[in-house]
């Protein structure tokens, strides 16, 4: 916790174990359970599936929800690099 009583996300790193491709976004108010966070290989599969789903059916609300959940999983695991940039760019271009 920071001095303001908020969670210090920079000091918190989670290693995800969730194997589900699709996961609804929910705002974190406490440290996430690793069982609800997807590791990078699963996130890559999730992005691939999401792109295919978007191509077949452009559901903006669903796609944004999924991208927010993916971004959150990246953030809590401190995953940075080319893949993270791809996710953020994809979300920005919707």
PDB file of N, CA and C in Angstrom:
ATOM      1  N   UNK A   1       0.831  -1.187   0.000  1.00  0.00           N
ATOM      2  CA  UNK A   1       0.000   0.000   0.000  1.00  0.00           C
ATOM      3  C   UNK A   1       0.874   1.248   0.000  1.00  0.00           C
ATOM      4  N   UNK A   2       0.415   2.235  -0.722  1.00  0.00           N
ATOM      5  CA  UNK A   2       1.124   3.511  -0.722  1.00  0.00           C
ATOM      6  C   UNK A   2       0.704   4.297   0.513  1.00  0.00           C
ATOM      7  N   UNK A   3       1.354   5.431   0.747  1.00  0.00           N
ATOM      8  CA  UNK A   3       1.023   6.250   1.910  1.00  0.00           C
ATOM      9  C   UNK A   3      -0.399   6.798   1.824  1.00  0.00           C
ATOM     10  N   UNK A   4      -0.972   6.854   0.621  1.00  0.00           N
ATOM     11  CA  UNK A   4      -2.340   7.335   0.438  1.00  0.00           C
ATOM     12  C   UNK A   4      -3.379   6.242   0.601  1.00  0.00           C
ATOM     13  N   UNK A   5      -2.948   5.033   0.962  1.00  0.00           N
ATOM     14  CA  UNK A   5      -3.870   3.937   1.164  1.00  0.00           C
ATOM     15  C   UNK A   5      -4.234   3.178  -0.101  1.00  0.00           C
ATOM     16  N   UNK A   6      -3.604   3.533  -1.233  1.00  0.00           N
ATOM     17  CA  UNK A   6      -3.875   2.849  -2.496  1.00  0.00           C
ATOM     18  C   UNK A   6      -2.863   1.732  -2.713  1.00  0.00           C
ATOM     19  N   UNK A   7      -3.272   0.732  -3.474  1.00  0.00           N
ATOM     20  CA  UNK A   7      -2.372  -0.369  -3.793  1.00  0.00           C
ATOM     21  C   UNK A   7      -1.223   0.142  -4.651  1.00  0.00           C
ATOM     22  N   UNK A   8      -0.004  -0.229  -4.317  1.00  0.00           N
ATOM     23  CA  UNK A   8       1.184   0.163  -5.079  1.00  0.00           C
ATOM     24  C   UNK A   8       1.425  -0.886  -6.157  1.00  0.00           C
ATOM     25  N   UNK A   9       0.885  -0.648  -7.363  1.00  0.00           N
ATOM     26  CA  UNK A   9       0.942  -1.625  -8.445  1.00  0.00           C
ATOM     27  C   UNK A   9       2.359  -1.891  -8.924  1.00  0.00           C
ATOM     28  N   UNK A  10       3.246  -0.920  -8.784  1.00  0.00           N
ATOM     29  CA  UNK A  10       4.631  -1.103  -9.241  1.00  0.00           C
ATOM     30  C   UNK A  10       5.378  -2.141  -8.408  1.00  0.00           C
ATOM     31  N   UNK A  11       5.039  -2.256  -7.135  1.00  0.00           N
ATOM     32  CA  UNK A  11       5.741  -3.208  -6.278  1.00  0.00           C
ATOM     33  C   UNK A  11       5.090  -4.596  -6.320  1.00  0.00           C
ATOM     34  N   UNK A  12       3.956  -4.703  -6.968  1.00  0.00           N
ATOM     35  CA  UNK A  12       3.214  -5.959  -7.030  1.00  0.00           C
ATOM     36  C   UNK A  12       3.424  -6.621  -8.386  1.00  0.00           C
ATOM     37  N   UNK A  13       3.933  -7.841  -8.382  1.00  0.00           N
ATOM     38  CA  UNK A  13       4.066  -8.612  -9.612  1.00  0.00           C
ATOM     39  C   UNK A  13       3.411  -9.962  -9.400  1.00  0.00           C
ATOM     40  N   UNK A  14       2.544 -10.317 -10.328  1.00  0.00           N
ATOM     41  CA  UNK A  14       1.814 -11.573 -10.250  1.00  0.00           C
ATOM     42  C   UNK A  14       2.234 -12.439 -11.424  1.00  0.00           C
ATOM     43  N   UNK A  15       2.361 -13.731 -11.209  1.00  0.00           N
ATOM     44  CA  UNK A  15       2.620 -14.669 -12.293  1.00  0.00           C
ATOM     45  C   UNK A  15       1.323 -15.431 -12.512  1.00  0.00           C
ATOM     46  N   UNK A  16       0.687 -15.157 -13.649  1.00  0.00           N
ATOM     47  CA  UNK A  16      -0.613 -15.742 -13.936  1.00  0.00           C
ATOM     48  C   UNK A  16      -0.571 -17.225 -14.226  1.00  0.00           C
ATOM     49  N   UNK A  17      -1.675 -17.899 -13.873  1.00  0.00           N
ATOM     50  CA  UNK A  17      -1.798 -19.336 -14.132  1.00  0.00           C
ATOM     51  C   UNK A  17      -3.100 -19.686 -14.847  1.00  0.00           C
ATOM     52  N   UNK A  18      -3.951 -18.710 -15.092  1.00  0.00           N
ATOM     53  CA  UNK A  18      -5.249 -18.951 -15.727  1.00  0.00           C
ATOM     54  C   UNK A  18      -5.041 -19.409 -17.178  1.00  0.00           C
ATOM     55  N   UNK A  19      -5.797 -20.421 -17.601  1.00  0.00           N
ATOM     56  CA  UNK A  19      -5.645 -20.965 -18.948  1.00  0.00           C
ATOM     57  C   UNK A  19      -6.809 -20.595 -19.872  1.00  0.00           C
ATOM     58  N   UNK A  20      -7.758 -19.813 -19.388  1.00  0.00           N
ATOM     59  CA  UNK A  20      -8.912 -19.410 -20.198  1.00  0.00           C
ATOM     60  C   UNK A  20      -8.513 -18.324 -21.193  1.00  0.00           C
ATOM     61  N   UNK A  21      -8.967 -18.455 -22.426  1.00  0.00           N
ATOM     62  CA  UNK A  21      -8.670 -17.424 -23.428  1.00  0.00           C
ATOM     63  C   UNK A  21      -9.501 -16.177 -23.179  1.00  0.00           C
ATOM     64  N   UNK A  22     -10.790 -16.349 -22.958  1.00  0.00           N
ATOM     65  CA  UNK A  22     -11.674 -15.212 -22.737  1.00  0.00           C
ATOM     66  C   UNK A  22     -11.898 -14.977 -21.264  1.00  0.00           C
ATOM     67  N   UNK A  23     -11.826 -13.712 -20.874  1.00  0.00           N
ATOM     68  CA  UNK A  23     -12.033 -13.351 -19.472  1.00  0.00           C
ATOM     69  C   UNK A  23     -12.589 -11.940 -19.435  1.00  0.00           C
ATOM     70  N   UNK A  24     -13.669 -11.749 -18.726  1.00  0.00           N
ATOM     71  CA  UNK A  24     -14.244 -10.406 -18.627  1.00  0.00           C
ATOM     72  C   UNK A  24     -13.343  -9.502 -17.797  1.00  0.00           C
ATOM     73  N   UNK A  25     -13.357  -8.231 -18.154  1.00  0.00           N
ATOM     74  CA  UNK A  25     -12.601  -7.237 -17.402  1.00  0.00           C
ATOM     75  C   UNK A  25     -13.328  -6.931 -16.101  1.00  0.00           C
ATOM     76  N   UNK A  26     -12.575  -6.820 -15.028  1.00  0.00           N
ATOM     77  CA  UNK A  26     -13.121  -6.321 -13.771  1.00  0.00           C
ATOM     78  C   UNK A  26     -12.062  -5.452 -13.115  1.00  0.00           C
ATOM     79  N   UNK A  27     -12.528  -4.361 -12.538  1.00  0.00           N
ATOM     80  CA  UNK A  27     -11.610  -3.406 -11.923  1.00  0.00           C
ATOM     81  C   UNK A  27     -11.036  -4.007 -10.648  1.00  0.00           C
ATOM     82  N   UNK A  28      -9.741  -4.028 -10.547  1.00  0.00           N
ATOM     83  CA  UNK A  28      -9.074  -4.580  -9.373  1.00  0.00           C
ATOM     84  C   UNK A  28      -9.128  -3.598  -8.211  1.00  0.00           C
ATOM     85  N   UNK A  29      -9.516  -4.086  -7.062  1.00  0.00           N
ATOM     86  CA  UNK A  29      -9.500  -3.282  -5.842  1.00  0.00           C
ATOM     87  C   UNK A  29      -8.551  -3.879  -4.815  1.00  0.00           C
ATOM     88  N   UNK A  30      -7.987  -5.032  -5.155  1.00  0.00           N
ATOM     89  CA  UNK A  30      -6.993  -5.685  -4.303  1.00  0.00           C
ATOM     90  C   UNK A  30      -6.049  -6.469  -5.212  1.00  0.00           C
ATOM     91  N   UNK A  31      -5.044  -7.051  -4.621  1.00  0.00           N
ATOM     92  CA  UNK A  31      -4.083  -7.827  -5.408  1.00  0.00           C
ATOM     93  C   UNK A  31      -4.814  -8.965  -6.126  1.00  0.00           C
ATOM     94  N   UNK A  32      -4.520  -9.162  -7.402  1.00  0.00           N
ATOM     95  CA  UNK A  32      -5.212 -10.215  -8.142  1.00  0.00           C
ATOM     96  C   UNK A  32      -4.745 -11.615  -7.737  1.00  0.00           C
ATOM     97  N   UNK A  33      -5.658 -12.554  -7.843  1.00  0.00           N
ATOM     98  CA  UNK A  33      -5.355 -13.960  -7.609  1.00  0.00           C
ATOM     99  C   UNK A  33      -4.649 -14.479  -8.860  1.00  0.00           C
ATOM    100  N   UNK A  34      -3.464 -15.074  -8.748  1.00  0.00           N
ATOM    101  CA  UNK A  34      -2.766 -15.578  -9.933  1.00  0.00           C
ATOM    102  C   UNK A  34      -3.617 -16.543 -10.769  1.00  0.00           C
ATOM    103  N   UNK A  35      -4.569 -17.213 -10.144  1.00  0.00           N
ATOM    104  CA  UNK A  35      -5.434 -18.152 -10.866  1.00  0.00           C
ATOM    105  C   UNK A  35      -6.407 -17.435 -11.796  1.00  0.00           C
ATOM    106  N   UNK A  36      -6.532 -16.107 -11.654  1.00  0.00           N
ATOM    107  CA  UNK A  36      -7.428 -15.339 -12.529  1.00  0.00           C
ATOM    108  C   UNK A  36      -6.658 -14.505 -13.545  1.00  0.00           C
ATOM    109  N   UNK A  37      -5.327 -14.619 -13.542  1.00  0.00           N
ATOM    110  CA  UNK A  37      -4.476 -13.847 -14.456  1.00  0.00           C
ATOM    111  C   UNK A  37      -3.865 -14.806 -15.477  1.00  0.00           C
ATOM    112  N   UNK A  38      -3.951 -14.437 -16.756  1.00  0.00           N
ATOM    113  CA  UNK A  38      -3.426 -15.292 -17.827  1.00  0.00           C
ATOM    114  C   UNK A  38      -1.955 -14.977 -18.110  1.00  0.00           C
ATOM    115  N   UNK A  39      -1.119 -16.010 -18.210  1.00  0.00           N
ATOM    116  CA  UNK A  39       0.295 -15.788 -18.563  1.00  0.00           C
ATOM    117  C   UNK A  39       0.418 -15.367 -20.030  1.00  0.00           C
ATOM    118  N   UNK A  40       1.566 -14.850 -20.387  1.00  0.00           N
ATOM    119  CA  UNK A  40       1.785 -14.313 -21.738  1.00  0.00           C
ATOM    120  C   UNK A  40       1.443 -15.290 -22.862  1.00  0.00           C
ATOM    121  N   UNK A  41       1.823 -16.564 -22.810  1.00  0.00           N
ATOM    122  CA  UNK A  41       1.461 -17.461 -23.920  1.00  0.00           C
ATOM    123  C   UNK A  41      -0.060 -17.572 -24.119  1.00  0.00           C
ATOM    124  N   UNK A  42      -0.810 -17.555 -23.042  1.00  0.00           N
ATOM    125  CA  UNK A  42      -2.270 -17.612 -23.142  1.00  0.00           C
ATOM    126  C   UNK A  42      -2.811 -16.285 -23.664  1.00  0.00           C
ATOM    127  N   UNK A  43      -2.206 -15.190 -23.253  1.00  0.00           N
ATOM    128  CA  UNK A  43      -2.634 -13.879 -23.753  1.00  0.00           C
ATOM    129  C   UNK A  43      -2.419 -13.780 -25.263  1.00  0.00           C
ATOM    130  N   UNK A  44      -1.333 -14.346 -25.756  1.00  0.00           N
ATOM    131  CA  UNK A  44      -1.074 -14.332 -27.203  1.00  0.00           C
ATOM    132  C   UNK A  44      -2.135 -15.137 -27.948  1.00  0.00           C
ATOM    133  N   UNK A  45      -2.527 -16.268 -27.389  1.00  0.00           N
ATOM    134  CA  UNK A  45      -3.603 -17.057 -27.992  1.00  0.00           C
ATOM    135  C   UNK A  45      -4.929 -16.298 -27.929  1.00  0.00           C
ATOM    136  N   UNK A  46      -5.147 -15.596 -26.824  1.00  0.00           N
ATOM    137  CA  UNK A  46      -6.383 -14.832 -26.658  1.00  0.00           C
ATOM    138  C   UNK A  46      -6.484 -13.718 -27.701  1.00  0.00           C
ATOM    139  N   UNK A  47      -5.378 -13.036 -27.961  1.00  0.00           N
ATOM    140  CA  UNK A  47      -5.365 -11.968 -28.968  1.00  0.00           C
ATOM    141  C   UNK A  47      -5.655 -12.542 -30.347  1.00  0.00           C
ATOM    142  N   UNK A  48      -5.048 -13.658 -30.655  1.00  0.00           N
ATOM    143  CA  UNK A  48      -5.269 -14.293 -31.953  1.00  0.00           C
ATOM    144  C   UNK A  48      -6.752 -14.657 -32.119  1.00  0.00           C
ATOM    145  N   UNK A  49      -7.336 -15.255 -31.089  1.00  0.00           N
ATOM    146  CA  UNK A  49      -8.752 -15.630 -31.139  1.00  0.00           C
ATOM    147  C   UNK A  49      -9.651 -14.404 -31.218  1.00  0.00           C
ATOM    148  N   UNK A  50      -9.274 -13.347 -30.493  1.00  0.00           N
ATOM    149  CA  UNK A  50     -10.074 -12.120 -30.494  1.00  0.00           C
ATOM    150  C   UNK A  50     -10.066 -11.454 -31.870  1.00  0.00           C
ATOM    151  N   UNK A  51      -8.903 -11.435 -32.523  1.00  0.00           N
ATOM    152  CA  UNK A  51      -8.817 -10.870 -33.876  1.00  0.00           C
ATOM    153  C   UNK A  51      -9.710 -11.637 -34.845  1.00  0.00           C
ATOM    154  N   UNK A  52      -9.704 -12.960 -34.737  1.00  0.00           N
ATOM    155  CA  UNK A  52     -10.541 -13.787 -35.606  1.00  0.00           C
ATOM    156  C   UNK A  52     -12.018 -13.535 -35.332  1.00  0.00           C
ATOM    157  N   UNK A  53     -12.370 -13.444 -34.065  1.00  0.00           N
ATOM    158  CA  UNK A  53     -13.765 -13.174 -33.704  1.00  0.00           C
ATOM    159  C   UNK A  53     -14.201 -11.807 -34.235  1.00  0.00           C
ATOM    160  N   UNK A  54     -13.321 -10.805 -34.138  1.00  0.00           N
ATOM    161  CA  UNK A  54     -13.624  -9.457 -34.628  1.00  0.00           C
ATOM    162  C   UNK A  54     -13.835  -9.484 -36.141  1.00  0.00           C
ATOM    163  N   UNK A  55     -13.002 -10.248 -36.823  1.00  0.00           N
ATOM    164  CA  UNK A  55     -13.104 -10.339 -38.288  1.00  0.00           C
ATOM    165  C   UNK A  55     -14.454 -10.930 -38.700  1.00  0.00           C
ATOM    166  N   UNK A  56     -14.939 -11.895 -37.931  1.00  0.00           N
ATOM    167  CA  UNK A  56     -16.212 -12.556 -38.250  1.00  0.00           C
ATOM    168  C   UNK A  56     -17.432 -11.815 -37.713  1.00  0.00           C
ATOM    169  N   UNK A  57     -17.251 -11.064 -36.623  1.00  0.00           N
ATOM    170  CA  UNK A  57     -18.375 -10.353 -36.011  1.00  0.00           C
ATOM    171  C   UNK A  57     -17.840  -9.167 -35.222  1.00  0.00           C
ATOM    172  N   UNK A  58     -17.986  -7.961 -35.742  1.00  0.00           N
ATOM    173  CA  UNK A  58     -17.442  -6.766 -35.108  1.00  0.00           C
ATOM    174  C   UNK A  58     -18.288  -6.327 -33.914  1.00  0.00           C
ATOM    175  N   UNK A  59     -18.052  -6.949 -32.780  1.00  0.00           N
ATOM    176  CA  UNK A  59     -18.754  -6.606 -31.543  1.00  0.00           C
ATOM    177  C   UNK A  59     -17.823  -5.713 -30.713  1.00  0.00           C
ATOM    178  N   UNK A  60     -18.044  -4.403 -30.822  1.00  0.00           N
ATOM    179  CA  UNK A  60     -17.147  -3.429 -30.203  1.00  0.00           C
ATOM    180  C   UNK A  60     -17.096  -3.574 -28.678  1.00  0.00           C
ATOM    181  N   UNK A  61     -18.246  -3.677 -28.033  1.00  0.00           N
ATOM    182  CA  UNK A  61     -18.284  -3.741 -26.565  1.00  0.00           C
ATOM    183  C   UNK A  61     -17.544  -4.979 -26.054  1.00  0.00           C
ATOM    184  N   UNK A  62     -17.806  -6.123 -26.664  1.00  0.00           N
ATOM    185  CA  UNK A  62     -17.142  -7.363 -26.255  1.00  0.00           C
ATOM    186  C   UNK A  62     -15.634  -7.262 -26.479  1.00  0.00           C
ATOM    187  N   UNK A  63     -15.238  -6.779 -27.645  1.00  0.00           N
ATOM    188  CA  UNK A  63     -13.815  -6.700 -27.985  1.00  0.00           C
ATOM    189  C   UNK A  63     -13.082  -5.750 -27.049  1.00  0.00           C
ATOM    190  N   UNK A  64     -13.678  -4.608 -26.744  1.00  0.00           N
ATOM    191  CA  UNK A  64     -13.046  -3.668 -25.808  1.00  0.00           C
ATOM    192  C   UNK A  64     -12.913  -4.276 -24.420  1.00  0.00           C
ATOM    193  N   UNK A  65     -13.940  -4.979 -23.979  1.00  0.00           N
ATOM    194  CA  UNK A  65     -13.899  -5.629 -22.674  1.00  0.00           C
ATOM    195  C   UNK A  65     -12.752  -6.638 -22.617  1.00  0.00           C
ATOM    196  N   UNK A  66     -12.613  -7.428 -23.674  1.00  0.00           N
ATOM    197  CA  UNK A  66     -11.545  -8.424 -23.732  1.00  0.00           C
ATOM    198  C   UNK A  66     -10.165  -7.761 -23.761  1.00  0.00           C
ATOM    199  N   UNK A  67     -10.029  -6.691 -24.542  1.00  0.00           N
ATOM    200  CA  UNK A  67      -8.742  -5.997 -24.625  1.00  0.00           C
ATOM    201  C   UNK A  67      -8.371  -5.346 -23.295  1.00  0.00           C
ATOM    202  N   UNK A  68      -9.351  -4.797 -22.593  1.00  0.00           N
ATOM    203  CA  UNK A  68      -9.075  -4.222 -21.270  1.00  0.00           C
ATOM    204  C   UNK A  68      -8.607  -5.307 -20.306  1.00  0.00           C
ATOM    205  N   UNK A  69      -9.216  -6.484 -20.364  1.00  0.00           N
ATOM    206  CA  UNK A  69      -8.808  -7.585 -19.498  1.00  0.00           C
ATOM    207  C   UNK A  69      -7.387  -8.058 -19.845  1.00  0.00           C
ATOM    208  N   UNK A  70      -7.087  -8.113 -21.136  1.00  0.00           N
ATOM    209  CA  UNK A  70      -5.741  -8.512 -21.566  1.00  0.00           C
ATOM    210  C   UNK A  70      -4.713  -7.476 -21.100  1.00  0.00           C
ATOM    211  N   UNK A  71      -5.042  -6.209 -21.280  1.00  0.00           N
ATOM    212  CA  UNK A  71      -4.124  -5.148 -20.841  1.00  0.00           C
ATOM    213  C   UNK A  71      -3.886  -5.219 -19.335  1.00  0.00           C
ATOM    214  N   UNK A  72      -4.941  -5.500 -18.588  1.00  0.00           N
ATOM    215  CA  UNK A  72      -4.801  -5.612 -17.136  1.00  0.00           C
ATOM    216  C   UNK A  72      -3.873  -6.780 -16.770  1.00  0.00           C
ATOM    217  N   UNK A  73      -4.041  -7.914 -17.449  1.00  0.00           N
ATOM    218  CA  UNK A  73      -3.165  -9.061 -17.191  1.00  0.00           C
ATOM    219  C   UNK A  73      -1.712  -8.727 -17.529  1.00  0.00           C
ATOM    220  N   UNK A  74      -1.500  -7.976 -18.593  1.00  0.00           N
ATOM    221  CA  UNK A  74      -0.138  -7.536 -18.928  1.00  0.00           C
ATOM    222  C   UNK A  74       0.429  -6.648 -17.826  1.00  0.00           C
ATOM    223  N   UNK A  75      -0.388  -5.726 -17.357  1.00  0.00           N
ATOM    224  CA  UNK A  75       0.057  -4.751 -16.365  1.00  0.00           C
ATOM    225  C   UNK A  75       0.430  -5.407 -15.044  1.00  0.00           C
ATOM    226  N   UNK A  76      -0.423  -6.280 -14.522  1.00  0.00           N
ATOM    227  CA  UNK A  76      -0.143  -6.856 -13.198  1.00  0.00           C
ATOM    228  C   UNK A  76       1.039  -7.817 -13.233  1.00  0.00           C
ATOM    229  N   UNK A  77       1.394  -8.294 -14.426  1.00  0.00           N
ATOM    230  CA  UNK A  77       2.564  -9.167 -14.560  1.00  0.00           C
ATOM    231  C   UNK A  77       3.803  -8.408 -15.029  1.00  0.00           C
ATOM    232  N   UNK A  78       3.660  -7.110 -15.234  1.00  0.00           N
ATOM    233  CA  UNK A  78       4.754  -6.257 -15.724  1.00  0.00           C
ATOM    234  C   UNK A  78       5.300  -6.774 -17.043  1.00  0.00           C
ATOM    235  N   UNK A  79       4.415  -7.234 -17.921  1.00  0.00           N
ATOM    236  CA  UNK A  79       4.823  -7.705 -19.248  1.00  0.00           C
ATOM    237  C   UNK A  79       4.924  -6.490 -20.160  1.00  0.00           C
ATOM    238  N   UNK A  80       6.110  -6.294 -20.703  1.00  0.00           N
ATOM    239  CA  UNK A  80       6.354  -5.163 -21.601  1.00  0.00           C
ATOM    240  C   UNK A  80       7.026  -5.693 -22.847  1.00  0.00           C
ATOM    241  N   UNK A  81       7.113  -4.881 -23.859  1.00  0.00           N
ATOM    242  CA  UNK A  81       7.789  -5.308 -25.077  1.00  0.00           C
ATOM    243  C   UNK A  81       6.859  -5.285 -26.275  1.00  0.00           C
ATOM    244  N   UNK A  82       7.289  -5.958 -27.322  1.00  0.00           N
ATOM    245  CA  UNK A  82       6.593  -5.940 -28.607  1.00  0.00           C
ATOM    246  C   UNK A  82       5.133  -6.393 -28.486  1.00  0.00           C
ATOM    247  N   UNK A  83       4.892  -7.477 -27.746  1.00  0.00           N
ATOM    248  CA  UNK A  83       3.530  -7.988 -27.619  1.00  0.00           C
ATOM    249  C   UNK A  83       2.626  -6.976 -26.910  1.00  0.00           C
ATOM    250  N   UNK A  84       3.111  -6.383 -25.833  1.00  0.00           N
ATOM    251  CA  UNK A  84       2.318  -5.384 -25.107  1.00  0.00           C
ATOM    252  C   UNK A  84       1.982  -4.201 -26.012  1.00  0.00           C
ATOM    253  N   UNK A  85       2.950  -3.770 -26.801  1.00  0.00           N
ATOM    254  CA  UNK A  85       2.721  -2.665 -27.738  1.00  0.00           C
ATOM    255  C   UNK A  85       1.647  -3.062 -28.754  1.00  0.00           C
ATOM    256  N   UNK A  86       1.708  -4.286 -29.256  1.00  0.00           N
ATOM    257  CA  UNK A  86       0.712  -4.768 -30.214  1.00  0.00           C
ATOM    258  C   UNK A  86      -0.694  -4.707 -29.616  1.00  0.00           C
ATOM    259  N   UNK A  87      -0.826  -5.121 -28.360  1.00  0.00           N
ATOM    260  CA  UNK A  87      -2.137  -5.103 -27.701  1.00  0.00           C
ATOM    261  C   UNK A  87      -2.660  -3.675 -27.569  1.00  0.00           C
ATOM    262  N   UNK A  88      -1.819  -2.772 -27.097  1.00  0.00           N
ATOM    263  CA  UNK A  88      -2.237  -1.382 -26.919  1.00  0.00           C
ATOM    264  C   UNK A  88      -2.569  -0.727 -28.265  1.00  0.00           C
ATOM    265  N   UNK A  89      -1.791  -1.003 -29.300  1.00  0.00           N
ATOM    266  CA  UNK A  89      -2.063  -0.439 -30.620  1.00  0.00           C
ATOM    267  C   UNK A  89      -3.371  -0.982 -31.174  1.00  0.00           C
ATOM    268  N   UNK A  90      -3.603  -2.271 -31.003  1.00  0.00           N
ATOM    269  CA  UNK A  90      -4.854  -2.876 -31.481  1.00  0.00           C
ATOM    270  C   UNK A  90      -6.050  -2.210 -30.799  1.00  0.00           C
ATOM    271  N   UNK A  91      -5.953  -2.019 -29.499  1.00  0.00           N
ATOM    272  CA  UNK A  91      -7.054  -1.384 -28.769  1.00  0.00           C
ATOM    273  C   UNK A  91      -7.269   0.059 -29.225  1.00  0.00           C
ATOM    274  N   UNK A  92      -6.191   0.763 -29.464  1.00  0.00           N
ATOM    275  CA  UNK A  92      -6.304   2.153 -29.905  1.00  0.00           C
ATOM    276  C   UNK A  92      -6.918   2.278 -31.284  1.00  0.00           C
ATOM    277  N   UNK A  93      -6.721   1.281 -32.126  1.00  0.00           N
ATOM    278  CA  UNK A  93      -7.206   1.347 -33.522  1.00  0.00           C
ATOM    279  C   UNK A  93      -8.652   0.907 -33.670  1.00  0.00           C
ATOM    280  N   UNK A  94      -9.251   0.317 -32.651  1.00  0.00           N
ATOM    281  CA  UNK A  94     -10.646  -0.129 -32.777  1.00  0.00           C
ATOM    282  C   UNK A  94     -11.588   0.998 -33.072  1.00  0.00           C
TER     283      UNK A  94
END
